[in-house]
Amino acid sequence: MAKKKIMLFIVEGPTDETSLSTVLSRIFSSDTVHFQVVHGDVLTRDFVAPDKIVAAVNEQVKLFRGSVYKPGDFCKVVHLTDTDGVFIPEGAVMEETAEGRHYPFYTDDQILTPEPADIIDRNTRKSRNIAKLSSIGKIGGIPYSFYYFSCNLDHVLHGRNNLSEAEKIACARDFDLQYADHPDAFIRFMKDESFAVRGTYQETWAFIKQGTRSLERHSNFGIELPEQCEWKPL
């Protein structure tokens, strides 16, 4: 039997891994699924620019590889990102200060923040990095795909935005319990036409850049998934 190759998922936070790791291991059981958790957004960290973003993502791959794995040990790198509303018009970034509200605060058509200029700058930088990463097919010699959850992963998976850290953890555990042993149900969920963006890889990226769609509930991750899962519970 051929040795299984690694399918590496790069995600922003540990609750992303909690939500997805088991069910994706079932779906891609012919490979070995692993997660590299960035603990932040590699697209905006340290004001990284488009000419450096590929190297920054490749650094995450290298951190996972260490001295144990070679590029040939991987079948693919799959990078999941939140859109964070970065493609919206500048006029949809609104100034607001409300006691007890965590900012930035996302609605389906606006970003509310005490510092609009900072968010507009972030949006410009992140959107340029997204454009770069969505145009490449390999990273460090390994096949690479880049998918979005809009406005963020919680929005897509749980139908809720602006969650506290405690709420994120609870929702992630509940999602894992719901789908871990039901991968076909997860596939149907991620391909649900209410939020799944259909079309070619590049067509799905063109879609999310229009109007306020990067604040609305959309994801193109469904195109990475097969129509059904071969894994069955014992």
Protein backbone atom coordinates (compact mmCIF):
# COMPACT_ATOMS: atom_id res chain seq x y z
CA MET A 1 0.00 0.00 0.00
CA ALA A 2 1.28 3.47 -0.91
CA LYS A 3 2.16 5.70 2.00
CA LYS A 4 -0.50 8.29 2.78
CA LYS A 5 0.44 11.85 1.96
CA ILE A 6 -0.29 14.88 4.10
CA MET A 7 -3.14 17.26 3.33
CA LEU A 8 -2.31 20.37 5.35
CA PHE A 9 -5.03 22.85 6.29
CA ILE A 10 -3.88 26.32 7.33
CA VAL A 11 -6.44 28.05 9.57
CA GLU A 12 -6.55 31.19 11.71
CA GLY A 13 -7.55 29.84 15.12
CA PRO A 14 -7.89 26.71 17.27
CA THR A 15 -11.70 26.72 17.09
CA ASP A 16 -11.40 26.37 13.30
CA GLU A 17 -9.45 23.17 13.87
CA THR A 18 -11.96 21.96 16.48
CA SER A 19 -14.85 22.49 14.07
CA LEU A 20 -13.26 20.87 11.02
CA SER A 21 -10.42 18.49 11.85
CA THR A 22 -12.34 15.27 12.52
CA VAL A 23 -14.87 15.57 9.73
CA LEU A 24 -12.20 16.49 7.17
CA SER A 25 -10.13 13.52 8.30
CA ARG A 26 -13.12 11.33 7.45
CA ILE A 27 -13.71 12.97 4.07
CA PHE A 28 -10.07 12.87 2.97
CA SER A 29 -9.27 9.54 4.61
CA SER A 30 -7.03 8.46 1.72
CA ASP A 31 -4.66 11.21 2.90
CA THR A 32 -3.46 12.24 6.37
CA VAL A 33 -5.16 15.48 7.37
CA HIS A 34 -3.22 17.88 9.58
CA PHE A 35 -3.81 21.46 10.69
CA GLN A 36 -1.43 24.38 11.03
CA VAL A 37 -3.07 26.98 13.30
CA VAL A 38 -1.70 30.48 12.70
CA HIS A 39 -3.20 31.99 15.90
CA GLY A 40 -4.06 35.10 13.94
CA ASP A 41 -4.41 36.24 10.35
CA VAL A 42 -1.26 35.66 8.31
CA LEU A 43 -2.66 38.01 5.64
CA THR A 44 -2.55 41.03 7.94
CA ARG A 45 0.15 40.07 10.43
CA ASP A 46 3.10 42.47 10.59
CA PHE A 47 1.65 44.51 7.71
CA VAL A 48 2.82 41.86 5.25
CA ALA A 49 2.66 43.09 1.63
CA PRO A 50 1.62 41.17 -1.53
CA ASP A 51 5.25 40.64 -2.57
CA LYS A 52 5.88 38.91 0.79
CA ILE A 53 2.59 37.09 1.41
CA VAL A 54 3.49 33.87 -0.43
CA ALA A 55 6.67 33.61 1.62
CA ALA A 56 4.69 34.31 4.81
CA VAL A 57 2.26 31.47 4.06
CA ASN A 58 5.11 29.18 3.06
CA GLU A 59 6.69 29.93 6.43
CA GLN A 60 3.61 28.41 8.06
CA VAL A 61 4.13 25.28 5.95
CA LYS A 62 7.77 25.18 6.99
CA LEU A 63 6.81 25.55 10.66
CA PHE A 64 4.63 22.46 10.30
CA ARG A 65 7.27 20.56 8.33
CA GLY A 66 10.07 21.19 10.79
CA SER A 67 12.85 18.71 10.19
CA VAL A 68 10.41 15.82 9.83
CA TYR A 69 8.65 16.30 6.48
CA LYS A 70 9.74 17.09 2.93
CA PRO A 71 7.62 18.81 0.24
CA GLY A 72 7.18 15.42 -1.41
CA ASP A 73 5.36 14.17 1.70
CA PHE A 74 2.43 16.50 0.94
CA CYS A 75 -0.40 16.09 -1.53
CA LYS A 76 -1.84 19.56 -0.98
CA VAL A 77 -1.97 22.67 1.18
CA VAL A 78 -5.48 24.07 1.73
CA HIS A 79 -5.61 27.56 3.19
CA LEU A 80 -8.85 28.81 4.77
CA THR A 81 -9.38 32.52 5.38
CA ASP A 82 -12.06 34.86 6.71
CA THR A 83 -13.02 37.63 4.28
CA ASP A 84 -13.71 40.09 7.13
CA GLY A 85 -15.61 42.31 4.70
CA VAL A 86 -12.38 43.48 3.06
CA PHE A 87 -13.91 44.07 -0.39
CA ILE A 88 -16.72 46.40 0.69
CA PRO A 89 -16.79 50.07 -0.42
CA GLU A 90 -15.03 52.47 1.94
CA GLY A 91 -18.38 54.14 2.61
CA ALA A 92 -19.63 50.94 4.27
CA VAL A 93 -17.04 51.29 7.04
CA MET A 94 -18.88 53.39 9.62
CA GLU A 95 -17.66 55.10 12.75
CA GLU A 96 -19.35 53.97 15.96
CA THR A 97 -18.49 53.81 19.63
CA ALA A 98 -20.83 51.88 21.90
CA GLU A 99 -20.05 50.77 25.43
CA GLY A 100 -19.67 47.02 25.80
CA ARG A 101 -19.42 46.30 22.08
CA HIS A 102 -16.33 44.58 20.71
CA TYR A 103 -14.93 46.20 17.58
CA PRO A 104 -14.77 45.88 14.68
CA PHE A 105 -18.44 44.88 14.65
CA TYR A 106 -19.75 43.21 11.49
CA THR A 107 -23.24 43.44 10.02
CA ASP A 108 -24.40 42.11 6.64
CA ASP A 109 -23.67 45.44 4.95
CA GLN A 110 -21.40 47.49 7.23
CA ILE A 111 -18.33 47.35 9.45
CA LEU A 112 -18.74 49.45 12.59
CA THR A 113 -15.61 50.71 14.29
CA PRO A 114 -14.26 53.64 16.32
CA GLU A 115 -11.34 53.85 13.82
CA PRO A 116 -12.64 53.67 10.22
CA ALA A 117 -9.29 54.68 8.72
CA ASP A 118 -7.58 51.67 10.34
CA ILE A 119 -10.17 49.23 8.98
CA ILE A 120 -10.04 50.76 5.51
CA ASP A 121 -6.24 50.36 5.55
CA ARG A 122 -6.57 46.76 6.75
CA ASN A 123 -9.11 46.02 4.02
CA THR A 124 -6.81 47.41 1.34
CA ARG A 125 -3.84 45.39 2.54
CA LYS A 126 -5.72 42.13 3.05
CA SER A 127 -7.61 42.35 -0.25
CA ARG A 128 -4.31 42.73 -2.12
CA ASN A 129 -2.89 39.69 -0.35
CA ILE A 130 -6.02 37.71 -1.14
CA ALA A 131 -5.66 38.61 -4.81
CA LYS A 132 -2.10 37.29 -4.76
CA LEU A 133 -2.85 34.03 -2.96
CA SER A 134 -5.96 33.24 -5.01
CA SER A 135 -3.88 33.51 -8.20
CA ILE A 136 -1.22 30.91 -7.36
CA GLY A 137 -1.43 27.14 -7.63
CA LYS A 138 1.58 26.01 -5.63
CA ILE A 139 3.40 27.07 -2.51
CA GLY A 140 6.85 25.73 -1.67
CA GLY A 141 6.45 23.30 -4.56
CA ILE A 142 3.23 21.85 -3.08
CA PRO A 143 -0.22 22.18 -4.74
CA TYR A 144 -2.10 24.99 -3.00
CA SER A 145 -5.75 26.07 -2.82
CA PHE A 146 -7.19 29.09 -1.01
CA TYR A 147 -10.81 29.27 0.19
CA TYR A 148 -12.92 31.83 2.03
CA PHE A 149 -15.52 31.89 4.75
CA SER A 150 -17.52 35.12 4.78
CA CYS A 151 -17.68 37.17 6.78
CA ASN A 152 -15.82 34.58 8.86
CA LEU A 153 -15.84 30.87 9.61
CA ASP A 154 -18.28 31.27 12.52
CA HIS A 155 -20.69 33.12 10.23
CA VAL A 156 -20.69 30.26 7.70
CA LEU A 157 -20.62 27.26 10.03
CA HIS A 158 -22.80 28.57 12.85
CA GLY A 159 -24.80 31.34 11.18
CA ARG A 160 -23.57 33.82 13.79
CA ASN A 161 -21.18 36.75 13.70
CA ASN A 162 -19.28 38.74 16.34
CA LEU A 163 -18.97 35.79 18.73
CA SER A 164 -17.06 36.02 21.99
CA GLU A 165 -14.18 33.61 22.51
CA ALA A 166 -16.31 31.48 24.85
CA GLU A 167 -19.10 31.35 22.26
CA LYS A 168 -16.62 30.38 19.54
CA ILE A 169 -15.39 27.45 21.64
CA ALA A 170 -18.90 26.24 22.45
CA CYS A 171 -20.07 26.50 18.85
CA ALA A 172 -16.97 24.71 17.56
CA ARG A 173 -17.49 21.79 19.96
CA ASP A 174 -21.17 21.54 19.04
CA PHE A 175 -20.34 21.59 15.33
CA ASP A 176 -17.77 18.83 15.77
CA LEU A 177 -20.27 16.70 17.69
CA GLN A 178 -22.87 17.24 14.98
CA TYR A 179 -20.74 16.39 11.94
CA ALA A 180 -17.61 14.45 13.01
CA ASP A 181 -19.18 11.05 12.30
CA HIS A 182 -21.51 12.33 9.58
CA PRO A 183 -19.20 13.55 6.83
CA ASP A 184 -21.81 13.22 4.09
CA ALA A 185 -24.07 15.56 6.05
CA PHE A 186 -21.17 18.01 6.33
CA ILE A 187 -20.60 17.84 2.58
CA ARG A 188 -24.28 18.57 1.95
CA PHE A 189 -24.08 21.45 4.42
CA MET A 190 -21.03 23.02 2.76
CA LYS A 191 -22.65 22.71 -0.67
CA ASP A 192 -25.96 24.21 0.48
CA GLU A 193 -27.08 26.72 -2.11
CA SER A 194 -28.13 29.22 0.57
CA PHE A 195 -24.47 30.21 1.03
CA ALA A 196 -22.23 27.96 -1.11
CA VAL A 197 -20.74 29.86 -4.05
CA ARG A 198 -20.72 27.77 -7.21
CA GLY A 199 -18.57 28.03 -10.31
CA THR A 200 -14.91 27.68 -11.08
CA TYR A 201 -12.29 28.53 -8.49
CA GLN A 202 -11.64 31.94 -10.04
CA GLU A 203 -15.36 32.63 -10.58
CA THR A 204 -16.00 32.11 -6.86
CA TRP A 205 -13.27 34.61 -6.03
CA ALA A 206 -14.70 37.14 -8.48
CA PHE A 207 -18.12 36.71 -6.83
CA ILE A 208 -17.02 37.56 -3.30
CA LYS A 209 -15.31 40.79 -4.37
CA GLN A 210 -18.58 42.41 -5.48
CA GLY A 211 -20.51 44.95 -3.37
CA THR A 212 -20.93 43.85 0.24
CA ARG A 213 -20.74 40.12 -0.42
CA SER A 214 -17.59 39.81 1.68
CA LEU A 215 -19.78 40.70 4.69
CA GLU A 216 -22.62 38.37 3.74
CA ARG A 217 -22.70 34.63 4.47
CA HIS A 218 -20.85 32.92 1.62
CA SER A 219 -18.14 30.27 1.18
CA ASN A 220 -16.42 28.62 -1.78
CA PHE A 221 -14.96 25.76 0.28
CA GLY A 222 -17.64 23.41 -1.04
CA ILE A 223 -15.86 23.14 -4.38
CA GLU A 224 -12.93 21.42 -2.62
CA LEU A 225 -15.18 18.66 -1.27
CA PRO A 226 -16.27 15.50 -3.09
CA GLU A 227 -19.93 14.80 -3.72
CA GLN A 228 -19.90 12.08 -1.07
CA CYS A 229 -17.57 10.49 1.44
CA GLU A 230 -16.22 6.95 1.16
CA TRP A 231 -15.59 6.70 4.92
CA LYS A 232 -18.31 4.92 6.88
CA PRO A 233 -18.58 4.47 10.66
CA LEU A 234 -17.67 1.04 12.01
